[in-house]
Every structure is written in C-alpha cells, then in structure tokens.
Amino acid sequence: MADHHRETDVVRDPETGRVTGYVERTETVHEKKKGGGGWLFGLILGAILVAGGIAIYANNQGGYEQAGAQTDNALAQAEVQTQQAANDAGSAIGNAAEQAGDAAEQAGDNAQSALN
C-alpha cells in the first residue's frame, strides 16, 4: 500500500518578505516488502513431515524404539542443515559487505586521483 506525503512551501516576495503564494508537493512512498525466511519455514515443515511419516510407519510396524531412533536422526540432520544454511547466509552477508567496502575504497581512490 502506498502512502502519500504532502508538503507545502511558502513563496515570499524577496523585497518585502510578504507571502505571495504556496507550492504544494506530493510524494508517493511505497512500503518495502519483507522477504526471506521461507527456507527456514520449509526446513521446519519438512522435519515435521519426516517425523510424522516415521511415527505413522512405526505405528504400522509396531517398532517405536526404532522409530524414535530414526526421528532423532532426522531431527539431528535437520539441525545440521539449518546450521549450514545459517553459516552460508552469514558468509554471503560478510562477502557482500567486504565487496561494498572495496568498491567504496576504490571510488575514493578514483576521486582522489581525479582531484590531483
């Protein structure tokens, strides 16, 4: 949803300082959409589905001990995948910040060279 931001400026006569008119400006401001976070929801949902499938299989086979071990393995694997995804995201953010810093430094060097 877009919001409208309005401002009114006063126009004055330069010699007398009296108000001669008004100028109204309207700006449309769009809200930024939040993104991301879907992979974590999908990972958790997948782990729940796997655990549910194992529970149903165990109920049909009658082996709850084996199903418990499989569920623990599935949850441990989901935890490892979540940690790996978080590490990958952190690395990507760090790399992007480093590249932005390098680009800013290069721009500063270019500006300095242009002034000399």
Protein backbone atom coordinates (compact mmCIF):
# COMPACT_ATOMS: atom_id res chain seq x y z
CA MET A 1 0.00 0.00 0.00
CA ALA A 2 1.32 3.41 -0.94
CA ASP A 3 1.25 6.41 1.37
CA HIS A 4 1.20 10.00 0.16
CA HIS A 5 3.45 12.57 1.79
CA ARG A 6 2.48 16.20 1.24
CA GLU A 7 4.50 19.32 1.92
CA THR A 8 3.59 22.95 1.36
CA ASP A 9 6.25 25.60 0.76
CA VAL A 10 5.61 29.33 1.18
CA VAL A 11 6.66 31.65 -1.66
CA ARG A 12 7.70 35.13 -0.45
CA ASP A 13 8.42 38.37 -2.22
CA PRO A 14 12.22 38.85 -1.95
CA GLU A 15 11.95 42.61 -1.40
CA THR A 16 9.08 42.83 1.08
CA GLY A 17 9.12 39.37 2.59
CA ARG A 18 5.37 39.07 2.23
CA VAL A 19 3.73 35.79 1.27
CA THR A 20 2.88 35.71 -2.43
CA GLY A 21 1.78 32.11 -2.82
CA TYR A 22 2.10 28.48 -1.84
CA VAL A 23 3.64 25.49 -3.61
CA GLU A 24 2.35 22.04 -2.68
CA ARG A 25 4.42 18.92 -3.32
CA THR A 26 3.05 15.38 -3.10
CA GLU A 27 5.30 12.34 -2.84
CA THR A 28 4.20 8.71 -3.07
CA VAL A 29 6.01 6.46 -0.60
CA HIS A 30 5.90 2.69 -1.09
CA GLU A 31 6.43 0.30 1.78
CA LYS A 32 9.22 -2.23 1.38
CA LYS A 33 8.15 -5.84 1.41
CA LYS A 34 9.88 -8.17 3.77
CA GLY A 35 11.46 -11.13 2.10
CA GLY A 36 13.39 -14.22 3.00
CA GLY A 37 12.84 -16.53 5.90
CA GLY A 38 10.94 -19.00 3.74
CA TRP A 39 13.74 -21.54 3.70
CA LEU A 40 13.62 -21.89 7.49
CA PHE A 41 9.86 -22.41 7.45
CA GLY A 42 10.25 -25.03 4.72
CA LEU A 43 13.02 -26.78 6.62
CA ILE A 44 10.96 -26.96 9.81
CA LEU A 45 7.89 -28.11 7.90
CA GLY A 46 9.96 -30.80 6.18
CA ALA A 47 11.33 -32.02 9.51
CA ILE A 48 7.81 -32.21 10.92
CA LEU A 49 6.59 -34.16 7.89
CA VAL A 50 9.51 -36.59 8.15
CA ALA A 51 8.90 -37.08 11.86
CA GLY A 52 5.18 -37.62 11.22
CA GLY A 53 5.90 -40.14 8.49
CA ILE A 54 8.23 -42.03 10.77
CA ALA A 55 5.64 -42.05 13.55
CA ILE A 56 2.99 -43.42 11.19
CA TYR A 57 5.39 -46.07 9.88
CA ALA A 58 6.31 -47.06 13.44
CA ASN A 59 2.66 -47.30 14.40
CA ASN A 60 2.01 -49.61 11.46
CA GLN A 61 5.09 -51.74 12.19
CA GLY A 62 4.86 -51.64 15.98
CA GLY A 63 8.52 -50.62 16.48
CA TYR A 64 8.51 -47.39 18.48
CA GLU A 65 12.11 -47.75 19.61
CA GLN A 66 13.39 -47.90 16.04
CA ALA A 67 11.06 -45.04 15.05
CA GLY A 68 12.41 -42.94 17.92
CA ALA A 69 15.97 -43.51 16.73
CA GLN A 70 15.01 -42.58 13.16
CA THR A 71 13.20 -39.48 14.36
CA ASP A 72 16.25 -38.44 16.37
CA ASN A 73 18.43 -38.95 13.28
CA ALA A 74 16.05 -36.92 11.13
CA LEU A 75 15.93 -34.08 13.64
CA ALA A 76 19.72 -34.09 14.01
CA GLN A 77 20.07 -33.91 10.22
CA ALA A 78 17.58 -31.02 10.08
CA GLU A 79 19.58 -29.20 12.76
CA VAL A 80 22.81 -29.66 10.80
CA GLN A 81 21.14 -28.38 7.63
CA THR A 82 19.73 -25.37 9.48
CA GLN A 83 23.15 -24.53 10.93
CA GLN A 84 24.77 -24.89 7.49
CA ALA A 85 22.16 -22.61 5.93
CA ALA A 86 22.73 -20.01 8.66
CA ASN A 87 26.51 -20.21 8.14
CA ASP A 88 26.08 -19.82 4.37
CA ALA A 89 23.85 -16.78 4.87
CA GLY A 90 26.39 -15.22 7.26
CA SER A 91 29.20 -15.80 4.79
CA ALA A 92 27.18 -14.27 1.97
CA ILE A 93 26.44 -11.17 4.04
CA GLY A 94 30.10 -10.85 5.04
CA ASN A 95 31.25 -11.19 1.43
CA ALA A 96 28.74 -8.59 0.25
CA ALA A 97 29.86 -6.15 2.94
CA GLU A 98 33.51 -6.68 2.05
CA GLN A 99 32.81 -6.11 -1.66
CA ALA A 100 30.88 -2.94 -0.85
CA GLY A 101 33.78 -1.70 1.28
CA ASP A 102 36.27 -2.46 -1.50
CA ALA A 103 34.08 -0.63 -4.03
CA ALA A 104 33.81 2.40 -1.74
CA GLU A 105 37.57 2.43 -1.22
CA GLN A 106 38.15 2.22 -4.98
CA ALA A 107 35.70 5.06 -5.57
CA GLY A 108 37.54 7.17 -3.00
CA ASP A 109 40.85 6.42 -4.69
CA ASN A 110 39.38 7.35 -8.07
CA ALA A 111 38.00 10.61 -6.67
CA GLN A 112 41.37 11.43 -5.09
CA SER A 113 43.15 10.71 -8.38
CA ALA A 114 40.72 12.94 -10.25
CA LEU A 115 41.38 15.82 -7.86
CA ASN A 116 45.17 15.53 -8.27
